[in-house]
Amino acid sequence: MCDSLTRALARAGWPPGALDVLVAHQANQRILDGITDELGLAPGQVLSHIEAYGNTAAASVPVLLAQAAAAGTLVPGQRVALTAYGAGLAWGSTTLVRPEVRAVTEGG
């Protein structure tokens, strides 16, 4: 994931230090710690829910995004990177700038 993530950051023109938040596949804490160390990120920059849910597999990234949005952890304008892999055979990373998102409510 580090290689894929590094290439995605380079394509966006962002050095790792410009990243605000990393949302990564939640296989285990050791992998997240490795990414954090290799890219020189602060532990708080890497979202995690492993301690509460364990390995959430393919749901990791969307669940973390929803949780962070609901908690106010993600704010408009933040530089966010997403990275994940599946069964060790497929992987991918992308970058985005967190947009302003308006909540949709029933009847509104």
PDB file of N, CA and C in Angstrom:
ATOM      1  N   MET A   1       0.824  -1.193   0.000  1.00  0.00           N
ATOM      2  CA  MET A   1       0.000   0.000   0.000  1.00  0.00           C
ATOM      3  C   MET A   1       0.864   1.250   0.000  1.00  0.00           C
ATOM      4  N   CYS A   2       2.032   1.195   0.630  1.00  0.00           N
ATOM      5  CA  CYS A   2       2.887   2.393   0.669  1.00  0.00           C
ATOM      6  C   CYS A   2       3.326   2.822  -0.726  1.00  0.00           C
ATOM      7  N   ASP A   3       3.695   1.854  -1.562  1.00  0.00           N
ATOM      8  CA  ASP A   3       4.129   2.195  -2.915  1.00  0.00           C
ATOM      9  C   ASP A   3       2.977   2.818  -3.703  1.00  0.00           C
ATOM     10  N   SER A   4       1.816   2.207  -3.640  1.00  0.00           N
ATOM     11  CA  SER A   4       0.643   2.737  -4.331  1.00  0.00           C
ATOM     12  C   SER A   4       0.286   4.122  -3.813  1.00  0.00           C
ATOM     13  N   LEU A   5       0.332   4.291  -2.517  1.00  0.00           N
ATOM     14  CA  LEU A   5       0.007   5.576  -1.906  1.00  0.00           C
ATOM     15  C   LEU A   5       1.028   6.645  -2.287  1.00  0.00           C
ATOM     16  N   THR A   6       2.296   6.292  -2.273  1.00  0.00           N
ATOM     17  CA  THR A   6       3.350   7.238  -2.646  1.00  0.00           C
ATOM     18  C   THR A   6       3.167   7.704  -4.092  1.00  0.00           C
ATOM     19  N   ARG A   7       2.803   6.773  -4.985  1.00  0.00           N
ATOM     20  CA  ARG A   7       2.571   7.148  -6.379  1.00  0.00           C
ATOM     21  C   ARG A   7       1.343   8.052  -6.523  1.00  0.00           C
ATOM     22  N   ALA A   8       0.291   7.773  -5.766  1.00  0.00           N
ATOM     23  CA  ALA A   8      -0.914   8.619  -5.819  1.00  0.00           C
ATOM     24  C   ALA A   8      -0.603  10.027  -5.312  1.00  0.00           C
ATOM     25  N   LEU A   9       0.158  10.126  -4.233  1.00  0.00           N
ATOM     26  CA  LEU A   9       0.539  11.433  -3.713  1.00  0.00           C
ATOM     27  C   LEU A   9       1.379  12.203  -4.728  1.00  0.00           C
ATOM     28  N   ALA A  10       2.311  11.508  -5.383  1.00  0.00           N
ATOM     29  CA  ALA A  10       3.159  12.163  -6.391  1.00  0.00           C
ATOM     30  C   ALA A  10       2.319  12.671  -7.558  1.00  0.00           C
ATOM     31  N   ARG A  11       1.350  11.889  -7.997  1.00  0.00           N
ATOM     32  CA  ARG A  11       0.485  12.319  -9.105  1.00  0.00           C
ATOM     33  C   ARG A  11      -0.342  13.547  -8.728  1.00  0.00           C
ATOM     34  N   ALA A  12      -0.692  13.646  -7.435  1.00  0.00           N
ATOM     35  CA  ALA A  12      -1.444  14.815  -6.968  1.00  0.00           C
ATOM     36  C   ALA A  12      -0.531  16.010  -6.731  1.00  0.00           C
ATOM     37  N   GLY A  13       0.787  15.771  -6.749  1.00  0.00           N
ATOM     38  CA  GLY A  13       1.742  16.842  -6.471  1.00  0.00           C
ATOM     39  C   GLY A  13       1.854  17.146  -4.982  1.00  0.00           C
ATOM     40  N   TRP A  14       1.502  16.158  -4.155  1.00  0.00           N
ATOM     41  CA  TRP A  14       1.545  16.341  -2.702  1.00  0.00           C
ATOM     42  C   TRP A  14       2.693  15.544  -2.092  1.00  0.00           C
ATOM     43  N   PRO A  15       3.584  16.196  -1.369  1.00  0.00           N
ATOM     44  CA  PRO A  15       4.538  15.423  -0.576  1.00  0.00           C
ATOM     45  C   PRO A  15       3.770  14.808   0.596  1.00  0.00           C
ATOM     46  N   PRO A  16       4.248  13.703   1.182  1.00  0.00           N
ATOM     47  CA  PRO A  16       3.524  13.096   2.310  1.00  0.00           C
ATOM     48  C   PRO A  16       3.207  14.088   3.428  1.00  0.00           C
ATOM     49  N   GLY A  17       4.064  15.082   3.616  1.00  0.00           N
ATOM     50  CA  GLY A  17       3.838  16.078   4.662  1.00  0.00           C
ATOM     51  C   GLY A  17       2.646  16.985   4.397  1.00  0.00           C
ATOM     52  N   ALA A  18       2.168  17.021   3.159  1.00  0.00           N
ATOM     53  CA  ALA A  18       1.013  17.865   2.830  1.00  0.00           C
ATOM     54  C   ALA A  18      -0.309  17.165   3.107  1.00  0.00           C
ATOM     55  N   LEU A  19      -0.253  15.885   3.410  1.00  0.00           N
ATOM     56  CA  LEU A  19      -1.458  15.089   3.646  1.00  0.00           C
ATOM     57  C   LEU A  19      -2.042  15.404   5.020  1.00  0.00           C
ATOM     58  N   ASP A  20      -3.347  15.627   5.069  1.00  0.00           N
ATOM     59  CA  ASP A  20      -4.019  15.874   6.349  1.00  0.00           C
ATOM     60  C   ASP A  20      -4.519  14.584   6.991  1.00  0.00           C
ATOM     61  N   VAL A  21      -5.095  13.704   6.169  1.00  0.00           N
ATOM     62  CA  VAL A  21      -5.723  12.495   6.699  1.00  0.00           C
ATOM     63  C   VAL A  21      -5.478  11.326   5.743  1.00  0.00           C
ATOM     64  N   LEU A  22      -5.165  10.169   6.310  1.00  0.00           N
ATOM     65  CA  LEU A  22      -5.062   8.940   5.537  1.00  0.00           C
ATOM     66  C   LEU A  22      -6.159   7.985   5.994  1.00  0.00           C
ATOM     67  N   VAL A  23      -6.909   7.476   5.033  1.00  0.00           N
ATOM     68  CA  VAL A  23      -7.940   6.476   5.285  1.00  0.00           C
ATOM     69  C   VAL A  23      -7.460   5.211   4.586  1.00  0.00           C
ATOM     70  N   ALA A  24      -7.093   4.199   5.381  1.00  0.00           N
ATOM     71  CA  ALA A  24      -6.483   2.994   4.825  1.00  0.00           C
ATOM     72  C   ALA A  24      -7.266   1.741   5.186  1.00  0.00           C
ATOM     73  N   HIS A  25      -7.071   0.727   4.386  1.00  0.00           N
ATOM     74  CA  HIS A  25      -7.615  -0.606   4.648  1.00  0.00           C
ATOM     75  C   HIS A  25      -7.247  -1.006   6.074  1.00  0.00           C
ATOM     76  N   GLN A  26      -8.189  -1.530   6.804  1.00  0.00           N
ATOM     77  CA  GLN A  26      -8.008  -1.843   8.219  1.00  0.00           C
ATOM     78  C   GLN A  26      -7.758  -3.328   8.453  1.00  0.00           C
ATOM     79  N   ALA A  27      -6.662  -3.847   7.917  1.00  0.00           N
ATOM     80  CA  ALA A  27      -6.352  -5.268   8.101  1.00  0.00           C
ATOM     81  C   ALA A  27      -5.840  -5.526   9.519  1.00  0.00           C
ATOM     82  N   ASN A  28      -4.856  -4.738   9.947  1.00  0.00           N
ATOM     83  CA  ASN A  28      -4.351  -4.850  11.321  1.00  0.00           C
ATOM     84  C   ASN A  28      -3.530  -3.610  11.661  1.00  0.00           C
ATOM     85  N   GLN A  29      -3.313  -3.403  12.937  1.00  0.00           N
ATOM     86  CA  GLN A  29      -2.620  -2.195  13.403  1.00  0.00           C
ATOM     87  C   GLN A  29      -1.169  -2.167  12.959  1.00  0.00           C
ATOM     88  N   ARG A  30      -0.535  -3.327  12.858  1.00  0.00           N
ATOM     89  CA  ARG A  30       0.870  -3.396  12.434  1.00  0.00           C
ATOM     90  C   ARG A  30       1.036  -2.789  11.043  1.00  0.00           C
ATOM     91  N   ILE A  31       0.109  -3.066  10.141  1.00  0.00           N
ATOM     92  CA  ILE A  31       0.193  -2.511   8.791  1.00  0.00           C
ATOM     93  C   ILE A  31       0.002  -0.996   8.826  1.00  0.00           C
ATOM     94  N   LEU A  32      -0.956  -0.526   9.588  1.00  0.00           N
ATOM     95  CA  LEU A  32      -1.169   0.926   9.704  1.00  0.00           C
ATOM     96  C   LEU A  32       0.051   1.615  10.302  1.00  0.00           C
ATOM     97  N   ASP A  33       0.650   0.992  11.312  1.00  0.00           N
ATOM     98  CA  ASP A  33       1.856   1.559  11.923  1.00  0.00           C
ATOM     99  C   ASP A  33       3.005   1.624  10.916  1.00  0.00           C
ATOM    100  N   GLY A  34       3.116   0.595  10.071  1.00  0.00           N
ATOM    101  CA  GLY A  34       4.158   0.579   9.046  1.00  0.00           C
ATOM    102  C   GLY A  34       3.982   1.706   8.038  1.00  0.00           C
ATOM    103  N   ILE A  35       2.752   1.928   7.597  1.00  0.00           N
ATOM    104  CA  ILE A  35       2.466   3.019   6.662  1.00  0.00           C
ATOM    105  C   ILE A  35       2.786   4.360   7.322  1.00  0.00           C
ATOM    106  N   THR A  36       2.340   4.513   8.572  1.00  0.00           N
ATOM    107  CA  THR A  36       2.580   5.750   9.313  1.00  0.00           C
ATOM    108  C   THR A  36       4.070   6.038   9.399  1.00  0.00           C
ATOM    109  N   ASP A  37       4.861   5.026   9.768  1.00  0.00           N
ATOM    110  CA  ASP A  37       6.303   5.189   9.901  1.00  0.00           C
ATOM    111  C   ASP A  37       6.971   5.464   8.560  1.00  0.00           C
ATOM    112  N   GLU A  38       6.643   4.661   7.548  1.00  0.00           N
ATOM    113  CA  GLU A  38       7.311   4.793   6.243  1.00  0.00           C
ATOM    114  C   GLU A  38       7.062   6.154   5.605  1.00  0.00           C
ATOM    115  N   LEU A  39       5.857   6.687   5.765  1.00  0.00           N
ATOM    116  CA  LEU A  39       5.536   7.977   5.157  1.00  0.00           C
ATOM    117  C   LEU A  39       5.806   9.164   6.084  1.00  0.00           C
ATOM    118  N   GLY A  40       6.205   8.894   7.312  1.00  0.00           N
ATOM    119  CA  GLY A  40       6.501   9.967   8.255  1.00  0.00           C
ATOM    120  C   GLY A  40       5.261  10.725   8.698  1.00  0.00           C
ATOM    121  N   LEU A  41       4.122  10.017   8.787  1.00  0.00           N
ATOM    122  CA  LEU A  41       2.878  10.652   9.215  1.00  0.00           C
ATOM    123  C   LEU A  41       2.756  10.613  10.733  1.00  0.00           C
ATOM    124  N   ALA A  42       2.009  11.550  11.282  1.00  0.00           N
ATOM    125  CA  ALA A  42       1.706  11.538  12.713  1.00  0.00           C
ATOM    126  C   ALA A  42       0.609  10.497  12.935  1.00  0.00           C
ATOM    127  N   PRO A  43       0.636   9.791  14.051  1.00  0.00           N
ATOM    128  CA  PRO A  43      -0.399   8.777  14.299  1.00  0.00           C
ATOM    129  C   PRO A  43      -1.826   9.304  14.157  1.00  0.00           C
ATOM    130  N   GLY A  44      -2.089  10.529  14.529  1.00  0.00           N
ATOM    131  CA  GLY A  44      -3.427  11.096  14.431  1.00  0.00           C
ATOM    132  C   GLY A  44      -3.888  11.358  13.006  1.00  0.00           C
ATOM    133  N   GLN A  45      -2.968  11.315  12.050  1.00  0.00           N
ATOM    134  CA  GLN A  45      -3.333  11.527  10.650  1.00  0.00           C
ATOM    135  C   GLN A  45      -3.935  10.283  10.010  1.00  0.00           C
ATOM    136  N   VAL A  46      -3.723   9.133  10.616  1.00  0.00           N
ATOM    137  CA  VAL A  46      -4.178   7.866  10.062  1.00  0.00           C
ATOM    138  C   VAL A  46      -5.417   7.420  10.820  1.00  0.00           C
ATOM    139  N   LEU A  47      -6.558   7.440  10.139  1.00  0.00           N
ATOM    140  CA  LEU A  47      -7.799   7.032  10.797  1.00  0.00           C
ATOM    141  C   LEU A  47      -7.797   5.534  11.045  1.00  0.00           C
ATOM    142  N   SER A  48      -8.356   5.136  12.180  1.00  0.00           N
ATOM    143  CA  SER A  48      -8.387   3.715  12.524  1.00  0.00           C
ATOM    144  C   SER A  48      -9.614   3.398  13.365  1.00  0.00           C
ATOM    145  N   HIS A  49     -10.163   2.218  13.117  1.00  0.00           N
ATOM    146  CA  HIS A  49     -11.218   1.699  13.983  1.00  0.00           C
ATOM    147  C   HIS A  49     -10.956   0.224  14.323  1.00  0.00           C
ATOM    148  N   ILE A  50      -9.715  -0.196  14.133  1.00  0.00           N
ATOM    149  CA  ILE A  50      -9.339  -1.588  14.383  1.00  0.00           C
ATOM    150  C   ILE A  50      -9.632  -1.990  15.823  1.00  0.00           C
ATOM    151  N   GLU A  51      -9.331  -1.105  16.763  1.00  0.00           N
ATOM    152  CA  GLU A  51      -9.523  -1.451  18.178  1.00  0.00           C
ATOM    153  C   GLU A  51     -10.993  -1.715  18.511  1.00  0.00           C
ATOM    154  N   ALA A  52     -11.893  -1.119  17.772  1.00  0.00           N
ATOM    155  CA  ALA A  52     -13.326  -1.298  18.037  1.00  0.00           C
ATOM    156  C   ALA A  52     -13.960  -2.397  17.179  1.00  0.00           C
ATOM    157  N   TYR A  53     -13.502  -2.538  15.917  1.00  0.00           N
ATOM    158  CA  TYR A  53     -14.175  -3.430  14.981  1.00  0.00           C
ATOM    159  C   TYR A  53     -13.312  -4.545  14.414  1.00  0.00           C
ATOM    160  N   GLY A  54     -11.999  -4.464  14.571  1.00  0.00           N
ATOM    161  CA  GLY A  54     -11.131  -5.455  13.947  1.00  0.00           C
ATOM    162  C   GLY A  54     -11.007  -5.195  12.458  1.00  0.00           C
ATOM    163  N   ASN A  55     -10.711  -6.242  11.696  1.00  0.00           N
ATOM    164  CA  ASN A  55     -10.525  -6.140  10.253  1.00  0.00           C
ATOM    165  C   ASN A  55     -11.885  -6.016   9.577  1.00  0.00           C
ATOM    166  N   THR A  56     -12.153  -4.859   9.014  1.00  0.00           N
ATOM    167  CA  THR A  56     -13.429  -4.644   8.328  1.00  0.00           C
ATOM    168  C   THR A  56     -13.315  -4.876   6.825  1.00  0.00           C
ATOM    169  N   ALA A  57     -12.205  -5.427   6.386  1.00  0.00           N
ATOM    170  CA  ALA A  57     -11.991  -5.858   5.003  1.00  0.00           C
ATOM    171  C   ALA A  57     -12.391  -4.786   3.990  1.00  0.00           C
ATOM    172  N   ALA A  58     -13.180  -5.154   2.992  1.00  0.00           N
ATOM    173  CA  ALA A  58     -13.529  -4.235   1.906  1.00  0.00           C
ATOM    174  C   ALA A  58     -14.345  -3.039   2.373  1.00  0.00           C
ATOM    175  N   ALA A  59     -14.936  -3.130   3.546  1.00  0.00           N
ATOM    176  CA  ALA A  59     -15.738  -2.013   4.064  1.00  0.00           C
ATOM    177  C   ALA A  59     -14.889  -0.964   4.776  1.00  0.00           C
ATOM    178  N   SER A  60     -13.612  -1.227   4.969  1.00  0.00           N
ATOM    179  CA  SER A  60     -12.751  -0.334   5.753  1.00  0.00           C
ATOM    180  C   SER A  60     -12.835   1.131   5.353  1.00  0.00           C
ATOM    181  N   VAL A  61     -12.556   1.416   4.104  1.00  0.00           N
ATOM    182  CA  VAL A  61     -12.483   2.813   3.660  1.00  0.00           C
ATOM    183  C   VAL A  61     -13.843   3.508   3.733  1.00  0.00           C
ATOM    184  N   PRO A  62     -14.913   2.935   3.179  1.00  0.00           N
ATOM    185  CA  PRO A  62     -16.189   3.651   3.278  1.00  0.00           C
ATOM    186  C   PRO A  62     -16.707   3.785   4.710  1.00  0.00           C
ATOM    187  N   VAL A  63     -16.483   2.770   5.545  1.00  0.00           N
ATOM    188  CA  VAL A  63     -16.934   2.869   6.937  1.00  0.00           C
ATOM    189  C   VAL A  63     -16.158   3.963   7.660  1.00  0.00           C
ATOM    190  N   LEU A  64     -14.848   3.992   7.480  1.00  0.00           N
ATOM    191  CA  LEU A  64     -14.039   5.036   8.113  1.00  0.00           C
ATOM    192  C   LEU A  64     -14.427   6.429   7.633  1.00  0.00           C
ATOM    193  N   LEU A  65     -14.683   6.576   6.334  1.00  0.00           N
ATOM    194  CA  LEU A  65     -15.104   7.880   5.813  1.00  0.00           C
ATOM    195  C   LEU A  65     -16.419   8.318   6.444  1.00  0.00           C
ATOM    196  N   ALA A  66     -17.370   7.409   6.539  1.00  0.00           N
ATOM    197  CA  ALA A  66     -18.665   7.744   7.147  1.00  0.00           C
ATOM    198  C   ALA A  66     -18.508   8.093   8.625  1.00  0.00           C
ATOM    199  N   GLN A  67     -17.705   7.312   9.351  1.00  0.00           N
ATOM    200  CA  GLN A  67     -17.489   7.596  10.768  1.00  0.00           C
ATOM    201  C   GLN A  67     -16.804   8.939  10.967  1.00  0.00           C
ATOM    202  N   ALA A  68     -15.787   9.223  10.173  1.00  0.00           N
ATOM    203  CA  ALA A  68     -15.050  10.481  10.314  1.00  0.00           C
ATOM    204  C   ALA A  68     -15.922  11.672   9.949  1.00  0.00           C
ATOM    205  N   ALA A  69     -16.745  11.522   8.924  1.00  0.00           N
ATOM    206  CA  ALA A  69     -17.650  12.611   8.543  1.00  0.00           C
ATOM    207  C   ALA A  69     -18.661  12.866   9.658  1.00  0.00           C
ATOM    208  N   ALA A  70     -19.223  11.808  10.220  1.00  0.00           N
ATOM    209  CA  ALA A  70     -20.214  11.955  11.294  1.00  0.00           C
ATOM    210  C   ALA A  70     -19.603  12.564  12.552  1.00  0.00           C
ATOM    211  N   ALA A  71     -18.340  12.242  12.817  1.00  0.00           N
ATOM    212  CA  ALA A  71     -17.664  12.743  14.015  1.00  0.00           C
ATOM    213  C   ALA A  71     -17.081  14.143  13.818  1.00  0.00           C
ATOM    214  N   GLY A  72     -17.079  14.640  12.577  1.00  0.00           N
ATOM    215  CA  GLY A  72     -16.493  15.950  12.311  1.00  0.00           C
ATOM    216  C   GLY A  72     -14.984  15.914  12.169  1.00  0.00           C
ATOM    217  N   THR A  73     -14.419  14.710  12.048  1.00  0.00           N
ATOM    218  CA  THR A  73     -12.970  14.556  11.887  1.00  0.00           C
ATOM    219  C   THR A  73     -12.515  15.032  10.517  1.00  0.00           C
ATOM    220  N   LEU A  74     -13.352  14.826   9.512  1.00  0.00           N
ATOM    221  CA  LEU A  74     -13.057  15.308   8.163  1.00  0.00           C
ATOM    222  C   LEU A  74     -13.752  16.640   7.956  1.00  0.00           C
ATOM    223  N   VAL A  75     -12.998  17.620   7.513  1.00  0.00           N
ATOM    224  CA  VAL A  75     -13.577  18.939   7.269  1.00  0.00           C
ATOM    225  C   VAL A  75     -13.250  19.379   5.843  1.00  0.00           C
ATOM    226  N   PRO A  76     -14.097  20.218   5.259  1.00  0.00           N
ATOM    227  CA  PRO A  76     -13.851  20.683   3.893  1.00  0.00           C
ATOM    228  C   PRO A  76     -12.460  21.295   3.747  1.00  0.00           C
ATOM    229  N   GLY A  77     -11.839  20.971   2.623  1.00  0.00           N
ATOM    230  CA  GLY A  77     -10.521  21.504   2.318  1.00  0.00           C
ATOM    231  C   GLY A  77      -9.367  20.611   2.733  1.00  0.00           C
ATOM    232  N   GLN A  78      -9.626  19.592   3.534  1.00  0.00           N
ATOM    233  CA  GLN A  78      -8.543  18.697   3.944  1.00  0.00           C
ATOM    234  C   GLN A  78      -8.066  17.859   2.766  1.00  0.00           C
ATOM    235  N   ARG A  79      -6.764  17.604   2.747  1.00  0.00           N
ATOM    236  CA  ARG A  79      -6.178  16.702   1.758  1.00  0.00           C
ATOM    237  C   ARG A  79      -6.238  15.294   2.338  1.00  0.00           C
ATOM    238  N   VAL A  80      -6.934  14.421   1.635  1.00  0.00           N
ATOM    239  CA  VAL A  80      -7.196  13.070   2.114  1.00  0.00           C
ATOM    240  C   VAL A  80      -6.653  12.065   1.102  1.00  0.00           C
ATOM    241  N   ALA A  81      -6.023  11.009   1.600  1.00  0.00           N
ATOM    242  CA  ALA A  81      -5.594   9.906   0.743  1.00  0.00           C
ATOM    243  C   ALA A  81      -6.337   8.654   1.178  1.00  0.00           C
ATOM    244  N   LEU A  82      -6.724   7.854   0.199  1.00  0.00           N
ATOM    245  CA  LEU A  82      -7.402   6.588   0.435  1.00  0.00           C
ATOM    246  C   LEU A  82      -6.523   5.488  -0.139  1.00  0.00           C
ATOM    247  N   THR A  83      -6.358   4.386   0.603  1.00  0.00           N
ATOM    248  CA  THR A  83      -5.579   3.271   0.094  1.00  0.00           C
ATOM    249  C   THR A  83      -6.136   1.969   0.642  1.00  0.00           C
ATOM    250  N   ALA A  84      -6.167   0.944  -0.215  1.00  0.00           N
ATOM    251  CA  ALA A  84      -6.714  -0.344   0.196  1.00  0.00           C
ATOM    252  C   ALA A  84      -6.141  -1.447  -0.684  1.00  0.00           C
ATOM    253  N   TYR A  85      -6.338  -2.676  -0.233  1.00  0.00           N
ATOM    254  CA  TYR A  85      -5.945  -3.836  -1.031  1.00  0.00           C
ATOM    255  C   TYR A  85      -6.946  -4.949  -0.792  1.00  0.00           C
ATOM    256  N   GLY A  86      -6.964  -5.892  -1.707  1.00  0.00           N
ATOM    257  CA  GLY A  86      -7.874  -7.020  -1.585  1.00  0.00           C
ATOM    258  C   GLY A  86      -7.150  -8.320  -1.810  1.00  0.00           C
ATOM    259  N   ALA A  87      -7.156  -9.154  -0.800  1.00  0.00           N
ATOM    260  CA  ALA A  87      -6.559 -10.495  -0.860  1.00  0.00           C
ATOM    261  C   ALA A  87      -5.115 -10.493  -1.358  1.00  0.00           C
ATOM    262  N   GLY A  88      -4.433  -9.382  -1.250  1.00  0.00           N
ATOM    263  CA  GLY A  88      -3.043  -9.289  -1.666  1.00  0.00           C
ATOM    264  C   GLY A  88      -2.849  -9.282  -3.172  1.00  0.00           C
ATOM    265  N   LEU A  89      -3.936  -9.323  -3.931  1.00  0.00           N
ATOM    266  CA  LEU A  89      -3.834  -9.408  -5.383  1.00  0.00           C
ATOM    267  C   LEU A  89      -4.217  -8.117  -6.092  1.00  0.00           C
ATOM    268  N   ALA A  90      -4.927  -7.261  -5.425  1.00  0.00           N
ATOM    269  CA  ALA A  90      -5.361  -5.989  -6.015  1.00  0.00           C
ATOM    270  C   ALA A  90      -5.171  -4.891  -4.975  1.00  0.00           C
ATOM    271  N   TRP A  91      -4.793  -3.722  -5.428  1.00  0.00           N
ATOM    272  CA  TRP A  91      -4.590  -2.616  -4.519  1.00  0.00           C
ATOM    273  C   TRP A  91      -4.794  -1.317  -5.280  1.00  0.00           C
ATOM    274  N   GLY A  92      -4.996  -0.271  -4.545  1.00  0.00           N
ATOM    275  CA  GLY A  92      -5.159   1.024  -5.178  1.00  0.00           C
ATOM    276  C   GLY A  92      -5.159   2.140  -4.165  1.00  0.00           C
ATOM    277  N   SER A  93      -4.823   3.315  -4.627  1.00  0.00           N
ATOM    278  CA  SER A  93      -4.794   4.507  -3.789  1.00  0.00           C
ATOM    279  C   SER A  93      -5.257   5.687  -4.613  1.00  0.00           C
ATOM    280  N   THR A  94      -5.824   6.656  -3.948  1.00  0.00           N
ATOM    281  CA  THR A  94      -6.214   7.896  -4.616  1.00  0.00           C
ATOM    282  C   THR A  94      -6.150   9.039  -3.617  1.00  0.00           C
ATOM    283  N   THR A  95      -6.237  10.228  -4.126  1.00  0.00           N
ATOM    284  CA  THR A  95      -6.210  11.419  -3.286  1.00  0.00           C
ATOM    285  C   THR A  95      -7.437  12.261  -3.600  1.00  0.00           C
ATOM    286  N   LEU A  96      -7.837  13.070  -2.627  1.00  0.00           N
ATOM    287  CA  LEU A  96      -8.941  13.992  -2.840  1.00  0.00           C
ATOM    288  C   LEU A  96      -8.841  15.133  -1.853  1.00  0.00           C
ATOM    289  N   VAL A  97      -9.475  16.223  -2.205  1.00  0.00           N
ATOM    290  CA  VAL A  97      -9.626  17.331  -1.270  1.00  0.00           C
ATOM    291  C   VAL A  97     -11.063  17.240  -0.779  1.00  0.00           C
ATOM    292  N   ARG A  98     -11.230  17.145   0.520  1.00  0.00           N
ATOM    293  CA  ARG A  98     -12.548  16.948   1.124  1.00  0.00           C
ATOM    294  C   ARG A  98     -13.477  18.086   0.693  1.00  0.00           C
ATOM    295  N   PRO A  99     -14.574  17.741   0.005  1.00  0.00           N
ATOM    296  CA  PRO A  99     -15.514  18.783  -0.426  1.00  0.00           C
ATOM    297  C   PRO A  99     -16.473  19.170   0.700  1.00  0.00           C
ATOM    298  N   GLU A 100     -17.155  20.261   0.506  1.00  0.00           N
ATOM    299  CA  GLU A 100     -18.253  20.643   1.399  1.00  0.00           C
ATOM    300  C   GLU A 100     -19.410  19.712   1.044  1.00  0.00           C
ATOM    301  N   VAL A 101     -19.927  19.011   2.027  1.00  0.00           N
ATOM    302  CA  VAL A 101     -21.012  18.065   1.793  1.00  0.00           C
ATOM    303  C   VAL A 101     -22.180  18.454   2.687  1.00  0.00           C
ATOM    304  N   ARG A 102     -23.324  18.618   2.064  1.00  0.00           N
ATOM    305  CA  ARG A 102     -24.518  18.986   2.816  1.00  0.00           C
ATOM    306  C   ARG A 102     -25.296  17.717   3.116  1.00  0.00           C
ATOM    307  N   ALA A 103     -25.662  17.549   4.377  1.00  0.00           N
ATOM    308  CA  ALA A 103     -26.419  16.369   4.786  1.00  0.00           C
ATOM    309  C   ALA A 103     -27.815  16.407   4.209  1.00  0.00           C
ATOM    310  N   VAL A 104     -28.284  15.266   3.781  1.00  0.00           N
ATOM    311  CA  VAL A 104     -29.657  15.143   3.283  1.00  0.00           C
ATOM    312  C   VAL A 104     -30.483  14.520   4.390  1.00  0.00           C
ATOM    313  N   THR A 105     -31.583  15.150   4.719  1.00  0.00           N
ATOM    314  CA  THR A 105     -32.443  14.649   5.771  1.00  0.00           C
ATOM    315  C   THR A 105     -33.804  14.278   5.191  1.00  0.00           C
ATOM    316  N   GLU A 106     -34.534  13.453   5.923  1.00  0.00           N
ATOM    317  CA  GLU A 106     -35.864  13.071   5.463  1.00  0.00           C
ATOM    318  C   GLU A 106     -36.748  14.306   5.319  1.00  0.00           C
ATOM    319  N   GLY A 107     -37.483  14.332   4.238  1.00  0.00           N
ATOM    320  CA  GLY A 107     -38.398  15.445   3.999  1.00  0.00           C
ATOM    321  C   GLY A 107     -37.712  16.724   3.565  1.00  0.00           C
ATOM    322  N   GLY A 108     -36.373  16.691   3.424  1.00  0.00           N
ATOM    323  CA  GLY A 108     -35.696  17.938   3.080  1.00  0.00           C
ATOM    324  C   GLY A 108     -34.837  17.783   1.972  1.00  0.00           C
TER     325      GLY A 108
END
